[in-house]
Amino acid sequence: MQNRPYKAIVAITNAVTNLVNPGTTTGGVNSGTPQNLRIIITHIRVLNKTAAIHNFSFYIGATGGSAAGTEFMGTAKSVPANDAVDWYGRIPLDVADFLTGVADANTSLVAEFDGEIGVV
């Protein structure tokens, strides 16, 4: 099966929240062992929709996680007022991986995730 485009847009809250986590594919008849989805994130944009500077922190690890050593894309990374910051790369996430995030203000920042989704 070929990967398909993946896109998600999520408001970042002021409590650590699961932002991206691949699911599983289940069901069917005579379809073999259920497969897991994999998301490969290739671009992240964090948009500040307010007239004040705000910051965010992202982590990759356990559900609801923000443990030391799991930081990703910045810790308390500032986003200028009415502006955005971008990240480009390739980060694969499996069903056990959670990309979590937290901001200094509730829903002032919005994360846009682009990439590919497929079955592994």
N, C-alpha and C. Protein backbone atom coordinates (compact mmCIF):
# COMPACT_ATOMS: atom_id res chain seq x y z
N MET A 1 0.84 -1.17 0.00
CA MET A 1 0.00 0.00 0.00
C MET A 1 0.88 1.24 0.00
N GLN A 2 0.50 2.20 -0.78
CA GLN A 2 1.27 3.43 -0.89
C GLN A 2 0.82 4.43 0.18
N ASN A 3 1.78 5.22 0.67
CA ASN A 3 1.44 6.26 1.64
C ASN A 3 0.54 7.30 1.00
N ARG A 4 -0.30 7.89 1.82
CA ARG A 4 -1.22 8.95 1.39
C ARG A 4 -0.87 10.23 2.12
N PRO A 5 -1.28 11.38 1.58
CA PRO A 5 -1.02 12.64 2.28
C PRO A 5 -1.69 12.68 3.65
N TYR A 6 -1.03 13.31 4.59
CA TYR A 6 -1.55 13.48 5.95
C TYR A 6 -1.55 14.97 6.28
N LYS A 7 -2.63 15.44 6.87
CA LYS A 7 -2.74 16.84 7.28
C LYS A 7 -3.59 16.89 8.53
N ALA A 8 -3.13 17.64 9.54
CA ALA A 8 -3.91 17.86 10.75
C ALA A 8 -3.66 19.28 11.23
N ILE A 9 -4.70 19.90 11.76
CA ILE A 9 -4.60 21.24 12.33
C ILE A 9 -5.19 21.17 13.73
N VAL A 10 -4.38 21.55 14.74
CA VAL A 10 -4.77 21.36 16.14
C VAL A 10 -4.41 22.61 16.94
N ALA A 11 -5.33 23.09 17.77
CA ALA A 11 -5.02 24.18 18.70
C ALA A 11 -4.16 23.61 19.83
N ILE A 12 -3.14 24.36 20.23
CA ILE A 12 -2.27 23.93 21.33
C ILE A 12 -2.80 24.57 22.62
N THR A 13 -3.03 23.75 23.62
CA THR A 13 -3.58 24.25 24.88
C THR A 13 -2.48 24.50 25.90
N ASN A 14 -2.87 25.03 27.05
CA ASN A 14 -1.89 25.30 28.11
C ASN A 14 -1.74 24.13 29.08
N ALA A 15 -2.18 22.95 28.67
CA ALA A 15 -1.93 21.70 29.39
C ALA A 15 -1.37 20.72 28.37
N VAL A 16 -0.43 19.87 28.78
CA VAL A 16 0.17 18.92 27.84
C VAL A 16 -0.93 18.06 27.23
N THR A 17 -0.99 18.06 25.90
CA THR A 17 -2.06 17.39 25.17
C THR A 17 -1.47 16.54 24.05
N ASN A 18 -2.08 15.39 23.78
CA ASN A 18 -1.71 14.57 22.63
C ASN A 18 -2.12 15.31 21.36
N LEU A 19 -1.16 15.58 20.48
CA LEU A 19 -1.46 16.28 19.23
C LEU A 19 -1.53 15.34 18.04
N VAL A 20 -0.62 14.35 17.98
CA VAL A 20 -0.60 13.38 16.88
C VAL A 20 -0.26 12.01 17.44
N ASN A 21 -1.05 11.00 17.06
CA ASN A 21 -0.77 9.60 17.40
C ASN A 21 -1.44 8.71 16.37
N PRO A 22 -0.67 7.93 15.62
CA PRO A 22 -1.26 7.03 14.63
C PRO A 22 -2.14 5.97 15.32
N GLY A 23 -3.16 5.54 14.61
CA GLY A 23 -4.04 4.51 15.13
C GLY A 23 -3.71 3.15 14.56
N THR A 24 -4.66 2.24 14.69
CA THR A 24 -4.52 0.90 14.12
C THR A 24 -5.65 0.69 13.12
N THR A 25 -5.45 -0.25 12.24
CA THR A 25 -6.54 -0.64 11.34
C THR A 25 -7.04 -1.99 11.83
N THR A 26 -8.31 -2.08 12.08
CA THR A 26 -8.89 -3.32 12.59
C THR A 26 -10.14 -3.69 11.78
N GLY A 27 -10.61 -4.87 12.00
CA GLY A 27 -11.84 -5.30 11.35
C GLY A 27 -11.56 -6.04 10.06
N GLY A 28 -12.61 -6.32 9.34
CA GLY A 28 -12.51 -7.05 8.09
C GLY A 28 -12.63 -8.54 8.31
N VAL A 29 -12.73 -9.27 7.22
CA VAL A 29 -12.84 -10.73 7.25
C VAL A 29 -11.71 -11.30 6.42
N ASN A 30 -11.02 -12.30 6.97
CA ASN A 30 -9.90 -12.93 6.27
C ASN A 30 -8.90 -11.90 5.76
N SER A 31 -8.64 -10.87 6.57
CA SER A 31 -7.74 -9.81 6.14
C SER A 31 -6.38 -9.89 6.82
N GLY A 32 -6.12 -10.99 7.51
CA GLY A 32 -4.83 -11.15 8.16
C GLY A 32 -4.75 -10.39 9.46
N THR A 33 -3.56 -10.34 10.01
CA THR A 33 -3.33 -9.65 11.27
C THR A 33 -3.59 -8.16 11.10
N PRO A 34 -4.30 -7.54 12.04
CA PRO A 34 -4.51 -6.10 11.94
C PRO A 34 -3.18 -5.37 11.83
N GLN A 35 -3.19 -4.37 11.00
CA GLN A 35 -1.98 -3.59 10.75
C GLN A 35 -2.01 -2.29 11.54
N ASN A 36 -0.86 -1.68 11.68
CA ASN A 36 -0.76 -0.40 12.36
C ASN A 36 -0.49 0.70 11.35
N LEU A 37 -0.96 1.89 11.66
CA LEU A 37 -0.67 3.04 10.82
C LEU A 37 0.66 3.66 11.23
N ARG A 38 1.30 4.29 10.29
CA ARG A 38 2.51 5.07 10.56
C ARG A 38 2.33 6.42 9.88
N ILE A 39 2.63 7.47 10.64
CA ILE A 39 2.60 8.82 10.10
C ILE A 39 4.04 9.31 10.03
N ILE A 40 4.41 9.84 8.88
CA ILE A 40 5.71 10.46 8.73
C ILE A 40 5.46 11.95 8.58
N ILE A 41 5.82 12.71 9.60
CA ILE A 41 5.62 14.15 9.58
C ILE A 41 6.80 14.79 8.86
N THR A 42 6.49 15.63 7.86
CA THR A 42 7.53 16.28 7.07
C THR A 42 7.55 17.79 7.24
N HIS A 43 6.48 18.35 7.77
CA HIS A 43 6.42 19.81 7.95
C HIS A 43 5.50 20.11 9.13
N ILE A 44 5.96 21.00 9.99
CA ILE A 44 5.13 21.50 11.09
C ILE A 44 5.18 23.01 11.05
N ARG A 45 4.03 23.63 11.11
CA ARG A 45 3.95 25.09 11.24
C ARG A 45 3.18 25.38 12.52
N VAL A 46 3.75 26.23 13.37
CA VAL A 46 3.06 26.68 14.57
C VAL A 46 2.74 28.16 14.35
N LEU A 47 1.46 28.45 14.32
CA LEU A 47 0.95 29.77 14.00
C LEU A 47 0.46 30.48 15.26
N ASN A 48 0.89 31.70 15.45
CA ASN A 48 0.43 32.53 16.56
C ASN A 48 -0.65 33.46 16.02
N LYS A 49 -1.87 33.28 16.47
CA LYS A 49 -2.99 34.07 15.94
C LYS A 49 -3.32 35.28 16.82
N THR A 50 -2.39 35.67 17.69
CA THR A 50 -2.63 36.80 18.59
C THR A 50 -1.61 37.92 18.35
N ALA A 51 -1.82 39.03 19.03
CA ALA A 51 -0.93 40.19 18.93
C ALA A 51 0.14 40.19 20.02
N ALA A 52 0.35 39.04 20.67
CA ALA A 52 1.38 38.92 21.72
C ALA A 52 2.28 37.73 21.40
N ILE A 53 3.53 37.77 21.87
CA ILE A 53 4.45 36.64 21.71
C ILE A 53 3.98 35.51 22.62
N HIS A 54 3.98 34.28 22.08
CA HIS A 54 3.65 33.09 22.88
C HIS A 54 4.69 32.02 22.61
N ASN A 55 4.77 31.02 23.47
CA ASN A 55 5.74 29.95 23.27
C ASN A 55 5.09 28.59 23.46
N PHE A 56 5.79 27.58 22.95
CA PHE A 56 5.30 26.20 23.01
C PHE A 56 6.47 25.26 23.23
N SER A 57 6.13 24.05 23.65
CA SER A 57 7.08 22.94 23.76
C SER A 57 6.41 21.70 23.19
N PHE A 58 7.15 20.94 22.39
CA PHE A 58 6.68 19.67 21.84
C PHE A 58 7.55 18.54 22.38
N TYR A 59 6.95 17.36 22.47
CA TYR A 59 7.63 16.16 22.95
C TYR A 59 7.19 14.97 22.10
N ILE A 60 8.04 13.96 21.98
CA ILE A 60 7.66 12.69 21.35
C ILE A 60 7.97 11.60 22.36
N GLY A 61 6.94 10.88 22.76
CA GLY A 61 7.11 9.82 23.76
C GLY A 61 5.77 9.23 24.12
N ALA A 62 5.54 9.10 25.42
CA ALA A 62 4.33 8.47 25.93
C ALA A 62 3.13 9.41 25.82
N THR A 63 1.94 8.84 25.93
CA THR A 63 0.72 9.63 25.90
C THR A 63 0.73 10.67 27.02
N GLY A 64 0.41 11.90 26.67
CA GLY A 64 0.41 12.98 27.65
C GLY A 64 1.78 13.30 28.20
N GLY A 65 2.84 12.87 27.50
CA GLY A 65 4.19 12.97 28.04
C GLY A 65 4.87 14.31 27.83
N SER A 66 5.73 14.64 28.79
CA SER A 66 6.59 15.81 28.68
C SER A 66 7.88 15.56 29.45
N ALA A 67 8.38 14.33 29.36
CA ALA A 67 9.56 13.92 30.12
C ALA A 67 10.84 14.52 29.54
N ALA A 68 11.80 14.79 30.41
CA ALA A 68 13.11 15.26 29.98
C ALA A 68 13.71 14.25 29.01
N GLY A 69 14.32 14.74 27.96
CA GLY A 69 14.92 13.86 26.97
C GLY A 69 14.00 13.52 25.82
N THR A 70 12.72 13.93 25.88
CA THR A 70 11.79 13.66 24.79
C THR A 70 11.39 14.94 24.05
N GLU A 71 12.08 16.04 24.34
CA GLU A 71 11.77 17.31 23.70
C GLU A 71 11.96 17.23 22.19
N PHE A 72 11.12 17.97 21.47
CA PHE A 72 11.19 17.98 20.01
C PHE A 72 10.78 19.36 19.51
N MET A 73 11.54 19.92 18.61
CA MET A 73 11.26 21.18 17.93
C MET A 73 11.34 22.40 18.84
N GLY A 74 11.76 22.24 20.05
CA GLY A 74 11.93 23.41 20.90
C GLY A 74 11.29 23.26 22.26
N THR A 75 11.91 23.84 23.24
CA THR A 75 11.36 23.92 24.58
C THR A 75 11.13 25.39 24.87
N ALA A 76 9.88 25.75 25.13
CA ALA A 76 9.49 27.14 25.30
C ALA A 76 9.95 27.99 24.10
N LYS A 77 9.74 27.42 22.90
CA LYS A 77 10.11 28.11 21.67
C LYS A 77 9.13 29.25 21.41
N SER A 78 9.66 30.45 21.19
CA SER A 78 8.83 31.64 20.98
C SER A 78 8.30 31.70 19.55
N VAL A 79 7.05 32.14 19.45
CA VAL A 79 6.43 32.42 18.16
C VAL A 79 6.04 33.90 18.18
N PRO A 80 6.61 34.70 17.28
CA PRO A 80 6.29 36.13 17.28
C PRO A 80 4.79 36.39 17.09
N ALA A 81 4.34 37.54 17.53
CA ALA A 81 2.94 37.93 17.39
C ALA A 81 2.52 37.89 15.92
N ASN A 82 1.34 37.34 15.66
CA ASN A 82 0.78 37.28 14.30
C ASN A 82 1.77 36.72 13.28
N ASP A 83 2.50 35.69 13.67
CA ASP A 83 3.52 35.10 12.81
C ASP A 83 3.52 33.59 13.00
N ALA A 84 4.50 32.92 12.43
CA ALA A 84 4.57 31.46 12.53
C ALA A 84 6.03 31.02 12.54
N VAL A 85 6.27 29.80 13.03
CA VAL A 85 7.57 29.15 12.90
C VAL A 85 7.35 27.83 12.19
N ASP A 86 8.34 27.41 11.40
CA ASP A 86 8.22 26.19 10.61
C ASP A 86 9.35 25.24 10.93
N TRP A 87 9.05 23.94 10.78
CA TRP A 87 10.04 22.88 10.90
C TRP A 87 9.86 21.97 9.70
N TYR A 88 10.98 21.53 9.10
CA TYR A 88 10.96 20.58 7.99
C TYR A 88 11.90 19.43 8.32
N GLY A 89 11.50 18.23 7.98
CA GLY A 89 12.31 17.05 8.22
C GLY A 89 11.49 15.80 7.95
N ARG A 90 11.83 14.70 8.60
CA ARG A 90 11.07 13.44 8.48
C ARG A 90 11.08 12.76 9.84
N ILE A 91 9.96 12.79 10.51
CA ILE A 91 9.82 12.13 11.80
C ILE A 91 8.74 11.06 11.68
N PRO A 92 9.11 9.76 11.73
CA PRO A 92 8.09 8.70 11.68
C PRO A 92 7.48 8.47 13.07
N LEU A 93 6.19 8.34 13.11
CA LEU A 93 5.47 8.04 14.35
C LEU A 93 4.68 6.75 14.17
N ASP A 94 4.88 5.79 15.09
CA ASP A 94 4.10 4.56 15.11
C ASP A 94 3.03 4.65 16.18
N VAL A 95 2.21 3.60 16.31
CA VAL A 95 1.08 3.64 17.25
C VAL A 95 1.51 3.89 18.69
N ALA A 96 2.73 3.56 19.06
CA ALA A 96 3.20 3.77 20.44
C ALA A 96 3.77 5.17 20.65
N ASP A 97 3.88 5.95 19.57
CA ASP A 97 4.48 7.28 19.65
C ASP A 97 3.41 8.36 19.72
N PHE A 98 3.57 9.26 20.66
CA PHE A 98 2.66 10.39 20.81
C PHE A 98 3.46 11.67 20.65
N LEU A 99 3.04 12.54 19.76
CA LEU A 99 3.61 13.87 19.68
C LEU A 99 2.69 14.74 20.55
N THR A 100 3.23 15.24 21.65
CA THR A 100 2.44 16.03 22.59
C THR A 100 2.95 17.46 22.57
N GLY A 101 2.12 18.36 23.08
CA GLY A 101 2.53 19.75 23.11
C GLY A 101 1.83 20.53 24.19
N VAL A 102 2.43 21.67 24.53
CA VAL A 102 1.86 22.57 25.52
C VAL A 102 2.28 23.99 25.13
N ALA A 103 1.41 24.96 25.40
CA ALA A 103 1.69 26.36 25.12
C ALA A 103 1.54 27.17 26.40
N ASP A 104 2.05 28.40 26.38
CA ASP A 104 1.94 29.25 27.55
C ASP A 104 0.56 29.91 27.67
N ALA A 105 -0.23 29.85 26.62
CA ALA A 105 -1.58 30.43 26.63
C ALA A 105 -2.53 29.48 25.92
N ASN A 106 -3.71 29.33 26.43
CA ASN A 106 -4.67 28.37 25.89
C ASN A 106 -5.18 28.78 24.52
N THR A 107 -4.95 27.96 23.52
CA THR A 107 -5.42 28.07 22.13
C THR A 107 -4.97 29.33 21.39
N SER A 108 -3.91 30.00 21.84
CA SER A 108 -3.37 31.14 21.09
C SER A 108 -2.49 30.67 19.94
N LEU A 109 -1.98 29.44 20.04
CA LEU A 109 -1.14 28.86 19.00
C LEU A 109 -1.87 27.69 18.35
N VAL A 110 -1.67 27.56 17.05
CA VAL A 110 -2.26 26.47 16.28
C VAL A 110 -1.14 25.73 15.56
N ALA A 111 -1.14 24.40 15.64
CA ALA A 111 -0.14 23.58 14.96
C ALA A 111 -0.75 22.95 13.72
N GLU A 112 -0.02 23.05 12.62
CA GLU A 112 -0.41 22.41 11.37
C GLU A 112 0.64 21.35 11.06
N PHE A 113 0.20 20.11 10.89
CA PHE A 113 1.09 18.99 10.61
C PHE A 113 0.84 18.48 9.20
N ASP A 114 1.90 18.33 8.42
CA ASP A 114 1.82 17.77 7.07
C ASP A 114 2.76 16.57 7.00
N GLY A 115 2.38 15.60 6.19
CA GLY A 115 3.24 14.45 5.99
C GLY A 115 2.55 13.37 5.20
N GLU A 116 2.88 12.13 5.54
CA GLU A 116 2.36 10.95 4.86
C GLU A 116 1.82 9.97 5.89
N ILE A 117 0.78 9.24 5.51
CA ILE A 117 0.25 8.20 6.39
C ILE A 117 0.14 6.91 5.58
N GLY A 118 0.48 5.82 6.21
CA GLY A 118 0.42 4.52 5.54
C GLY A 118 0.27 3.40 6.54
N VAL A 119 0.21 2.19 6.05
CA VAL A 119 0.06 1.00 6.88
C VAL A 119 1.38 0.26 6.92
N VAL A 120 1.79 -0.17 8.13
CA VAL A 120 3.02 -0.94 8.27
C VAL A 120 2.71 -2.29 8.88
